[in-house]
Amino acid sequence: MNAEASAEAKFHEEVAANLTRNYVSQLVHGMLAMTGFRLVNAPTFVPAYLFALTGSTALVGLALAAQHLGSFVSSIFGATAIEHRRRIVDLGLRYGWMMRLSVLGLALSGFFLPPDVTVYVFAAFLCALGVFSGMQNVLWNVLLTKTIPADRRGMMIGLRNFLGGMTASAVAYVGGKYLVESNALGNGYATTFLLAFVLTAAGLTLLYLVREPESPTVRAPVSVRERLGDIPVLLQDRAFAVYFWAQTLATVGTLALPFYILFVGKTQG
């Protein structure tokens, strides 16, 4: 057996040996992360809080645009940062904590800053959250493919989305009913974001349990500019191009959701 085949065999042996541990830790991490980040990314709490601070739908849109722009721009940096690494979980934990500290910043700015300053600091933390989430999303997708075999991956993602969706619905109800309406801790929205930080931080700690195998092969390091040059080539693949544009349309469609929430709030009280 040559060295490359031996490394590949060792990789699959490690995946099989650590499957249960990696499966459970990533499942619970995904559930808690989805629950916490839904409190921030759902088209309810953040737009409503920004509108309460500014009274301007334009400023709400600009702040949310900063978050999405950060996520869009940083994804390619996340890809180039990991494709030449044999292990990536340490880098993922670093990005993960930066995401969660950004959420903590949303909460602390609401608690301790005056409203006219809060909106600018809040927008800056939203942008930071977008930047690190764009980088981390790429990384965790790669980690998932490394540690969970394809025949088990679909079930895990389905369970994660189901459990995360159920708990997110319950936590969102608690946040709206018992934190925002009662103005908990003097600022119900900031308290909700603090709860999001606690949930997502708890989920991230479980990833310290992941045992990541060393990749048997990696790509050579390239610049972001070179990687951007690959996009036209990828779009020549018809199946990928259909997926790409469908995903783009779906994402663009979600941009209007926060304004639907604001409209309902203004017209229905």
C-alpha atoms as a PDB file:
ATOM      1  CA  MET A   1       0.000   0.000   0.000  1.00  0.00           C
ATOM      2  CA  ASN A   2       1.461   3.361  -0.998  1.00  0.00           C
ATOM      3  CA  ALA A   3       1.610   6.356   1.338  1.00  0.00           C
ATOM      4  CA  GLU A   4      -1.441   8.077  -0.145  1.00  0.00           C
ATOM      5  CA  ALA A   5      -3.624   4.981   0.139  1.00  0.00           C
ATOM      6  CA  SER A   6      -2.372   4.369   3.683  1.00  0.00           C
ATOM      7  CA  ALA A   7      -3.251   7.938   4.701  1.00  0.00           C
ATOM      8  CA  GLU A   8      -6.714   7.568   3.152  1.00  0.00           C
ATOM      9  CA  ALA A   9      -7.311   4.296   5.012  1.00  0.00           C
ATOM     10  CA  LYS A  10      -6.201   5.828   8.307  1.00  0.00           C
ATOM     11  CA  PHE A  11      -8.546   8.768   7.713  1.00  0.00           C
ATOM     12  CA  HIS A  12     -11.578   6.505   7.267  1.00  0.00           C
ATOM     13  CA  GLU A  13     -10.587   4.430  10.305  1.00  0.00           C
ATOM     14  CA  GLU A  14     -10.515   7.563  12.479  1.00  0.00           C
ATOM     15  CA  VAL A  15     -13.876   8.717  11.120  1.00  0.00           C
ATOM     16  CA  ALA A  16     -15.446   5.353  11.987  1.00  0.00           C
ATOM     17  CA  ALA A  17     -13.823   5.155  15.430  1.00  0.00           C
ATOM     18  CA  ASN A  18     -15.029   8.628  16.474  1.00  0.00           C
ATOM     19  CA  LEU A  19     -18.371   8.667  14.670  1.00  0.00           C
ATOM     20  CA  THR A  20     -20.670   8.497  17.701  1.00  0.00           C
ATOM     21  CA  ARG A  21     -18.714  11.136  19.612  1.00  0.00           C
ATOM     22  CA  ASN A  22     -18.559  13.489  16.625  1.00  0.00           C
ATOM     23  CA  TYR A  23     -22.179  12.856  15.648  1.00  0.00           C
ATOM     24  CA  VAL A  24     -23.614  13.696  19.067  1.00  0.00           C
ATOM     25  CA  SER A  25     -21.376  16.706  19.720  1.00  0.00           C
ATOM     26  CA  GLN A  26     -22.101  18.272  16.335  1.00  0.00           C
ATOM     27  CA  LEU A  27     -25.815  17.504  16.581  1.00  0.00           C
ATOM     28  CA  VAL A  28     -26.196  19.228  19.955  1.00  0.00           C
ATOM     29  CA  HIS A  29     -23.901  22.065  18.887  1.00  0.00           C
ATOM     30  CA  GLY A  30     -26.027  22.614  15.791  1.00  0.00           C
ATOM     31  CA  MET A  31     -29.268  22.549  17.760  1.00  0.00           C
ATOM     32  CA  LEU A  32     -28.091  25.096  20.342  1.00  0.00           C
ATOM     33  CA  ALA A  33     -26.391  27.290  17.756  1.00  0.00           C
ATOM     34  CA  MET A  34     -29.485  27.318  15.558  1.00  0.00           C
ATOM     35  CA  THR A  35     -31.662  28.167  18.541  1.00  0.00           C
ATOM     36  CA  GLY A  36     -29.457  31.037  19.683  1.00  0.00           C
ATOM     37  CA  PHE A  37     -28.679  32.520  16.293  1.00  0.00           C
ATOM     38  CA  ARG A  38     -32.335  32.394  15.275  1.00  0.00           C
ATOM     39  CA  LEU A  39     -32.950  34.981  17.998  1.00  0.00           C
ATOM     40  CA  VAL A  40     -30.553  37.274  16.138  1.00  0.00           C
ATOM     41  CA  ASN A  41     -31.101  36.292  12.509  1.00  0.00           C
ATOM     42  CA  ALA A  42     -34.865  35.826  12.562  1.00  0.00           C
ATOM     43  CA  PRO A  43     -36.717  38.751  10.922  1.00  0.00           C
ATOM     44  CA  THR A  44     -38.199  39.868  14.246  1.00  0.00           C
ATOM     45  CA  PHE A  45     -36.044  40.917  17.185  1.00  0.00           C
ATOM     46  CA  VAL A  46     -33.181  42.770  15.460  1.00  0.00           C
ATOM     47  CA  PRO A  47     -35.338  44.751  12.980  1.00  0.00           C
ATOM     48  CA  ALA A  48     -37.860  45.604  15.686  1.00  0.00           C
ATOM     49  CA  TYR A  49     -35.112  46.766  18.049  1.00  0.00           C
ATOM     50  CA  LEU A  50     -33.395  48.857  15.376  1.00  0.00           C
ATOM     51  CA  PHE A  51     -36.714  50.427  14.414  1.00  0.00           C
ATOM     52  CA  ALA A  52     -37.433  51.209  18.065  1.00  0.00           C
ATOM     53  CA  LEU A  53     -34.042  52.940  18.274  1.00  0.00           C
ATOM     54  CA  THR A  54     -34.228  54.879  15.002  1.00  0.00           C
ATOM     55  CA  GLY A  55     -37.819  55.007  13.778  1.00  0.00           C
ATOM     56  CA  SER A  56     -36.387  54.640  10.269  1.00  0.00           C
ATOM     57  CA  THR A  57     -36.870  51.649   7.989  1.00  0.00           C
ATOM     58  CA  ALA A  58     -33.978  52.927   5.863  1.00  0.00           C
ATOM     59  CA  LEU A  59     -31.565  52.708   8.798  1.00  0.00           C
ATOM     60  CA  VAL A  60     -32.909  49.269   9.654  1.00  0.00           C
ATOM     61  CA  GLY A  61     -32.144  48.197   6.101  1.00  0.00           C
ATOM     62  CA  LEU A  62     -28.645  49.678   6.191  1.00  0.00           C
ATOM     63  CA  ALA A  63     -27.781  47.920   9.453  1.00  0.00           C
ATOM     64  CA  LEU A  64     -29.044  44.572   8.174  1.00  0.00           C
ATOM     65  CA  ALA A  65     -27.228  45.142   4.887  1.00  0.00           C
ATOM     66  CA  ALA A  66     -23.990  45.551   6.835  1.00  0.00           C
ATOM     67  CA  GLN A  67     -24.502  42.111   8.355  1.00  0.00           C
ATOM     68  CA  HIS A  68     -25.274  40.397   5.052  1.00  0.00           C
ATOM     69  CA  LEU A  69     -22.480  42.197   3.229  1.00  0.00           C
ATOM     70  CA  GLY A  70     -20.017  41.013   5.856  1.00  0.00           C
ATOM     71  CA  SER A  71     -21.217  37.435   5.442  1.00  0.00           C
ATOM     72  CA  PHE A  72     -21.053  37.604   1.644  1.00  0.00           C
ATOM     73  CA  VAL A  73     -17.559  39.065   1.455  1.00  0.00           C
ATOM     74  CA  SER A  74     -15.985  36.837   4.092  1.00  0.00           C
ATOM     75  CA  SER A  75     -17.097  33.447   2.747  1.00  0.00           C
ATOM     76  CA  ILE A  76     -14.374  33.318   0.116  1.00  0.00           C
ATOM     77  CA  PHE A  77     -11.789  34.254   2.761  1.00  0.00           C
ATOM     78  CA  GLY A  78     -13.037  31.372   4.892  1.00  0.00           C
ATOM     79  CA  ALA A  79     -12.583  28.956   2.000  1.00  0.00           C
ATOM     80  CA  THR A  80      -9.038  30.065   1.209  1.00  0.00           C
ATOM     81  CA  ALA A  81      -8.110  29.966   4.908  1.00  0.00           C
ATOM     82  CA  ILE A  82      -8.898  26.268   5.332  1.00  0.00           C
ATOM     83  CA  GLU A  83      -8.400  24.455   2.027  1.00  0.00           C
ATOM     84  CA  HIS A  84      -4.659  23.985   2.600  1.00  0.00           C
ATOM     85  CA  ARG A  85      -5.003  22.895   6.273  1.00  0.00           C
ATOM     86  CA  ARG A  86      -5.053  19.258   7.322  1.00  0.00           C
ATOM     87  CA  ARG A  87      -7.010  20.113  10.486  1.00  0.00           C
ATOM     88  CA  ILE A  88      -9.449  23.011  10.772  1.00  0.00           C
ATOM     89  CA  VAL A  89     -11.394  22.641  14.013  1.00  0.00           C
ATOM     90  CA  ASP A  90      -9.117  24.991  15.994  1.00  0.00           C
ATOM     91  CA  LEU A  91      -9.617  27.733  13.430  1.00  0.00           C
ATOM     92  CA  GLY A  92     -13.344  27.067  13.488  1.00  0.00           C
ATOM     93  CA  LEU A  93     -13.471  27.469  17.251  1.00  0.00           C
ATOM     94  CA  ARG A  94     -11.665  30.778  16.908  1.00  0.00           C
ATOM     95  CA  TYR A  95     -14.179  32.061  14.362  1.00  0.00           C
ATOM     96  CA  GLY A  96     -17.012  30.599  16.416  1.00  0.00           C
ATOM     97  CA  TRP A  97     -16.035  32.520  19.523  1.00  0.00           C
ATOM     98  CA  MET A  98     -15.728  35.728  17.501  1.00  0.00           C
ATOM     99  CA  MET A  99     -19.298  35.190  16.285  1.00  0.00           C
ATOM    100  CA  ARG A 100     -20.539  34.731  19.814  1.00  0.00           C
ATOM    101  CA  LEU A 101     -18.625  37.729  21.123  1.00  0.00           C
ATOM    102  CA  SER A 102     -20.319  39.756  18.390  1.00  0.00           C
ATOM    103  CA  VAL A 103     -23.692  38.621  19.740  1.00  0.00           C
ATOM    104  CA  LEU A 104     -22.557  39.517  23.260  1.00  0.00           C
ATOM    105  CA  GLY A 105     -21.633  42.946  21.888  1.00  0.00           C
ATOM    106  CA  LEU A 106     -25.206  43.381  20.630  1.00  0.00           C
ATOM    107  CA  ALA A 107     -26.483  42.709  24.139  1.00  0.00           C
ATOM    108  CA  LEU A 108     -23.973  44.877  25.993  1.00  0.00           C
ATOM    109  CA  SER A 109     -24.463  47.838  23.661  1.00  0.00           C
ATOM    110  CA  GLY A 110     -28.178  47.725  24.434  1.00  0.00           C
ATOM    111  CA  PHE A 111     -27.584  47.553  28.178  1.00  0.00           C
ATOM    112  CA  PHE A 112     -24.902  50.189  28.603  1.00  0.00           C
ATOM    113  CA  LEU A 113     -24.938  52.696  25.726  1.00  0.00           C
ATOM    114  CA  PRO A 114     -27.320  55.608  25.091  1.00  0.00           C
ATOM    115  CA  PRO A 115     -29.774  55.022  22.216  1.00  0.00           C
ATOM    116  CA  ASP A 116     -28.141  57.525  19.831  1.00  0.00           C
ATOM    117  CA  VAL A 117     -24.821  55.666  20.175  1.00  0.00           C
ATOM    118  CA  THR A 118     -26.280  52.170  20.438  1.00  0.00           C
ATOM    119  CA  VAL A 119     -27.517  52.100  16.849  1.00  0.00           C
ATOM    120  CA  TYR A 120     -24.020  52.643  15.401  1.00  0.00           C
ATOM    121  CA  VAL A 121     -22.292  50.196  17.741  1.00  0.00           C
ATOM    122  CA  PHE A 122     -25.092  47.691  17.180  1.00  0.00           C
ATOM    123  CA  ALA A 123     -24.650  47.950  13.401  1.00  0.00           C
ATOM    124  CA  ALA A 124     -20.887  47.448  13.780  1.00  0.00           C
ATOM    125  CA  PHE A 125     -21.416  44.270  15.810  1.00  0.00           C
ATOM    126  CA  LEU A 126     -23.960  43.063  13.246  1.00  0.00           C
ATOM    127  CA  CYS A 127     -21.357  43.534  10.530  1.00  0.00           C
ATOM    128  CA  ALA A 128     -18.775  41.651  12.618  1.00  0.00           C
ATOM    129  CA  LEU A 129     -21.283  38.856  13.166  1.00  0.00           C
ATOM    130  CA  GLY A 130     -21.812  38.647   9.422  1.00  0.00           C
ATOM    131  CA  VAL A 131     -18.075  38.537   8.708  1.00  0.00           C
ATOM    132  CA  PHE A 132     -17.338  35.727  11.142  1.00  0.00           C
ATOM    133  CA  SER A 133     -20.496  33.771  10.330  1.00  0.00           C
ATOM    134  CA  GLY A 134     -19.591  33.796   6.640  1.00  0.00           C
ATOM    135  CA  MET A 135     -16.166  32.390   7.436  1.00  0.00           C
ATOM    136  CA  GLN A 136     -17.421  29.878   9.978  1.00  0.00           C
ATOM    137  CA  ASN A 137     -20.237  28.514   7.820  1.00  0.00           C
ATOM    138  CA  VAL A 138     -17.749  27.433   5.176  1.00  0.00           C
ATOM    139  CA  LEU A 139     -15.518  25.868   7.790  1.00  0.00           C
ATOM    140  CA  TRP A 140     -18.210  23.895   9.594  1.00  0.00           C
ATOM    141  CA  ASN A 141     -19.578  22.516   6.347  1.00  0.00           C
ATOM    142  CA  VAL A 142     -16.113  21.180   5.576  1.00  0.00           C
ATOM    143  CA  LEU A 143     -15.740  19.785   9.106  1.00  0.00           C
ATOM    144  CA  LEU A 144     -19.094  18.046   8.778  1.00  0.00           C
ATOM    145  CA  THR A 145     -18.056  16.341   5.553  1.00  0.00           C
ATOM    146  CA  LYS A 146     -14.780  15.241   7.175  1.00  0.00           C
ATOM    147  CA  THR A 147     -16.238  13.740  10.329  1.00  0.00           C
ATOM    148  CA  ILE A 148     -19.683  12.416   9.327  1.00  0.00           C
ATOM    149  CA  PRO A 149     -19.983   9.905   6.441  1.00  0.00           C
ATOM    150  CA  ALA A 150     -22.351  10.822   3.615  1.00  0.00           C
ATOM    151  CA  ASP A 151     -24.815   8.044   4.492  1.00  0.00           C
ATOM    152  CA  ARG A 152     -25.249   9.452   8.025  1.00  0.00           C
ATOM    153  CA  ARG A 153     -24.973  13.133   7.224  1.00  0.00           C
ATOM    154  CA  GLY A 154     -28.491  13.702   5.911  1.00  0.00           C
ATOM    155  CA  MET A 155     -30.131  12.276   9.021  1.00  0.00           C
ATOM    156  CA  MET A 156     -27.912  14.353  11.280  1.00  0.00           C
ATOM    157  CA  ILE A 157     -28.660  17.576   9.404  1.00  0.00           C
ATOM    158  CA  GLY A 158     -32.364  16.761   9.426  1.00  0.00           C
ATOM    159  CA  LEU A 159     -32.353  16.084  13.171  1.00  0.00           C
ATOM    160  CA  ARG A 160     -30.355  19.242  13.801  1.00  0.00           C
ATOM    161  CA  ASN A 161     -32.774  21.374  11.801  1.00  0.00           C
ATOM    162  CA  PHE A 162     -35.838  19.745  13.365  1.00  0.00           C
ATOM    163  CA  LEU A 163     -34.628  19.976  16.955  1.00  0.00           C
ATOM    164  CA  GLY A 164     -33.131  23.412  16.412  1.00  0.00           C
ATOM    165  CA  GLY A 165     -36.322  24.668  14.801  1.00  0.00           C
ATOM    166  CA  MET A 166     -38.485  23.352  17.626  1.00  0.00           C
ATOM    167  CA  THR A 167     -36.316  24.796  20.375  1.00  0.00           C
ATOM    168  CA  ALA A 168     -35.888  28.061  18.453  1.00  0.00           C
ATOM    169  CA  SER A 169     -39.667  28.453  18.239  1.00  0.00           C
ATOM    170  CA  ALA A 170     -40.023  27.883  21.972  1.00  0.00           C
ATOM    171  CA  VAL A 171     -37.166  30.216  22.875  1.00  0.00           C
ATOM    172  CA  ALA A 172     -38.435  32.903  20.476  1.00  0.00           C
ATOM    173  CA  TYR A 173     -41.824  32.756  22.204  1.00  0.00           C
ATOM    174  CA  VAL A 174     -40.170  33.091  25.597  1.00  0.00           C
ATOM    175  CA  GLY A 175     -38.046  35.964  24.324  1.00  0.00           C
ATOM    176  CA  GLY A 176     -40.999  37.870  22.921  1.00  0.00           C
ATOM    177  CA  LYS A 177     -43.472  37.139  25.703  1.00  0.00           C
ATOM    178  CA  TYR A 178     -41.348  37.209  28.835  1.00  0.00           C
ATOM    179  CA  LEU A 179     -38.253  39.227  27.923  1.00  0.00           C
ATOM    180  CA  VAL A 180     -39.264  41.893  25.401  1.00  0.00           C
ATOM    181  CA  GLU A 181     -42.814  42.535  26.615  1.00  0.00           C
ATOM    182  CA  SER A 182     -41.748  42.699  30.257  1.00  0.00           C
ATOM    183  CA  ASN A 183     -38.584  44.676  29.390  1.00  0.00           C
ATOM    184  CA  ALA A 184     -36.491  42.182  31.346  1.00  0.00           C
ATOM    185  CA  LEU A 185     -33.346  43.577  33.012  1.00  0.00           C
ATOM    186  CA  GLY A 186     -34.330  47.044  31.809  1.00  0.00           C
ATOM    187  CA  ASN A 187     -33.958  46.181  28.109  1.00  0.00           C
ATOM    188  CA  GLY A 188     -35.905  43.203  26.823  1.00  0.00           C
ATOM    189  CA  TYR A 189     -34.189  43.132  23.446  1.00  0.00           C
ATOM    190  CA  ALA A 190     -30.705  43.222  24.956  1.00  0.00           C
ATOM    191  CA  THR A 191     -31.730  40.451  27.352  1.00  0.00           C
ATOM    192  CA  THR A 192     -32.885  38.363  24.392  1.00  0.00           C
ATOM    193  CA  PHE A 193     -29.517  38.840  22.687  1.00  0.00           C
ATOM    194  CA  LEU A 194     -27.785  37.885  25.933  1.00  0.00           C
ATOM    195  CA  LEU A 195     -29.823  34.670  25.973  1.00  0.00           C
ATOM    196  CA  ALA A 196     -28.719  34.072  22.369  1.00  0.00           C
ATOM    197  CA  PHE A 197     -25.092  34.431  23.453  1.00  0.00           C
ATOM    198  CA  VAL A 198     -25.517  31.930  26.297  1.00  0.00           C
ATOM    199  CA  LEU A 199     -27.170  29.335  24.057  1.00  0.00           C
ATOM    200  CA  THR A 200     -24.668  29.649  21.219  1.00  0.00           C
ATOM    201  CA  ALA A 201     -21.687  29.646  23.586  1.00  0.00           C
ATOM    202  CA  ALA A 202     -22.991  26.486  25.252  1.00  0.00           C
ATOM    203  CA  GLY A 203     -23.289  24.844  21.854  1.00  0.00           C
ATOM    204  CA  LEU A 204     -19.802  25.841  20.776  1.00  0.00           C
ATOM    205  CA  THR A 205     -18.188  24.301  23.851  1.00  0.00           C
ATOM    206  CA  LEU A 206     -19.402  20.888  22.665  1.00  0.00           C
ATOM    207  CA  LEU A 207     -17.188  21.166  19.615  1.00  0.00           C
ATOM    208  CA  TYR A 208     -14.155  20.817  21.861  1.00  0.00           C
ATOM    209  CA  LEU A 209     -15.221  17.152  22.007  1.00  0.00           C
ATOM    210  CA  VAL A 210     -14.901  16.686  18.234  1.00  0.00           C
ATOM    211  CA  ARG A 211     -12.021  14.472  17.153  1.00  0.00           C
ATOM    212  CA  GLU A 212     -11.104  15.613  13.678  1.00  0.00           C
ATOM    213  CA  PRO A 213      -9.045  13.293  11.466  1.00  0.00           C
ATOM    214  CA  GLU A 214      -6.148  14.713   9.526  1.00  0.00           C
ATOM    215  CA  SER A 215      -7.023  15.224   5.859  1.00  0.00           C
ATOM    216  CA  PRO A 216      -5.027  12.810   3.694  1.00  0.00           C
ATOM    217  CA  THR A 217      -4.777  15.372   0.882  1.00  0.00           C
ATOM    218  CA  VAL A 218      -5.116  19.150   0.786  1.00  0.00           C
ATOM    219  CA  ARG A 219      -4.964  21.815  -1.884  1.00  0.00           C
ATOM    220  CA  ALA A 220      -2.034  24.149  -2.314  1.00  0.00           C
ATOM    221  CA  PRO A 221      -2.486  27.608  -0.747  1.00  0.00           C
ATOM    222  CA  VAL A 222      -3.863  30.212  -3.157  1.00  0.00           C
ATOM    223  CA  SER A 223      -4.836  33.862  -2.894  1.00  0.00           C
ATOM    224  CA  VAL A 224      -8.408  35.086  -2.620  1.00  0.00           C
ATOM    225  CA  ARG A 225      -8.059  36.649  -6.063  1.00  0.00           C
ATOM    226  CA  GLU A 226      -7.120  33.300  -7.608  1.00  0.00           C
ATOM    227  CA  ARG A 227     -10.014  31.569  -5.894  1.00  0.00           C
ATOM    228  CA  LEU A 228     -12.456  34.204  -7.177  1.00  0.00           C
ATOM    229  CA  GLY A 229     -11.197  33.403 -10.650  1.00  0.00           C
ATOM    230  CA  ASP A 230     -12.518  29.848 -10.220  1.00  0.00           C
ATOM    231  CA  ILE A 231     -16.142  30.995  -9.952  1.00  0.00           C
ATOM    232  CA  PRO A 232     -16.796  31.307 -13.725  1.00  0.00           C
ATOM    233  CA  VAL A 233     -15.369  27.812 -14.178  1.00  0.00           C
ATOM    234  CA  LEU A 234     -17.642  26.385 -11.476  1.00  0.00           C
ATOM    235  CA  LEU A 235     -20.693  28.003 -13.068  1.00  0.00           C
ATOM    236  CA  GLN A 236     -19.997  26.090 -16.268  1.00  0.00           C
ATOM    237  CA  ASP A 237     -21.215  23.007 -14.405  1.00  0.00           C
ATOM    238  CA  ARG A 238     -24.934  23.120 -15.202  1.00  0.00           C
ATOM    239  CA  ALA A 239     -26.085  21.341 -12.047  1.00  0.00           C
ATOM    240  CA  PHE A 240     -24.013  23.621  -9.831  1.00  0.00           C
ATOM    241  CA  ALA A 241     -25.175  26.707 -11.735  1.00  0.00           C
ATOM    242  CA  VAL A 242     -28.837  25.767 -11.175  1.00  0.00           C
ATOM    243  CA  TYR A 243     -28.165  25.260  -7.463  1.00  0.00           C
ATOM    244  CA  PHE A 244     -26.204  28.518  -7.257  1.00  0.00           C
ATOM    245  CA  TRP A 245     -28.921  30.664  -8.818  1.00  0.00           C
ATOM    246  CA  ALA A 246     -31.701  28.936  -6.887  1.00  0.00           C
ATOM    247  CA  GLN A 247     -29.831  29.593  -3.648  1.00  0.00           C
ATOM    248  CA  THR A 248     -29.241  33.194  -4.705  1.00  0.00           C
ATOM    249  CA  LEU A 249     -32.932  33.799  -5.421  1.00  0.00           C
ATOM    250  CA  ALA A 250     -33.953  32.181  -2.138  1.00  0.00           C
ATOM    251  CA  THR A 251     -31.498  34.355  -0.217  1.00  0.00           C
ATOM    252  CA  VAL A 252     -32.603  37.540  -1.968  1.00  0.00           C
ATOM    253  CA  GLY A 253     -36.204  36.657  -1.177  1.00  0.00           C
ATOM    254  CA  THR A 254     -35.487  36.589   2.551  1.00  0.00           C
ATOM    255  CA  LEU A 255     -34.217  40.177   2.500  1.00  0.00           C
ATOM    256  CA  ALA A 256     -37.785  41.491   2.534  1.00  0.00           C
ATOM    257  CA  LEU A 257     -38.871  39.521   5.617  1.00  0.00           C
ATOM    258  CA  PRO A 258     -37.750  42.073   8.252  1.00  0.00           C
ATOM    259  CA  PHE A 259     -39.807  44.761   6.538  1.00  0.00           C
ATOM    260  CA  TYR A 260     -42.881  42.540   6.554  1.00  0.00           C
ATOM    261  CA  ILE A 261     -42.446  42.260  10.315  1.00  0.00           C
ATOM    262  CA  LEU A 262     -42.142  46.039  10.674  1.00  0.00           C
ATOM    263  CA  PHE A 263     -45.217  46.548   8.494  1.00  0.00           C
ATOM    264  CA  VAL A 264     -47.269  44.142  10.582  1.00  0.00           C
ATOM    265  CA  GLY A 265     -46.075  45.843  13.751  1.00  0.00           C
ATOM    266  CA  LYS A 266     -47.059  49.290  12.476  1.00  0.00           C
ATOM    267  CA  THR A 267     -50.442  48.275  11.063  1.00  0.00           C
ATOM    268  CA  GLN A 268     -51.557  45.663  13.592  1.00  0.00           C
ATOM    269  CA  GLY A 269     -50.024  47.174  16.713  1.00  0.00           C
END
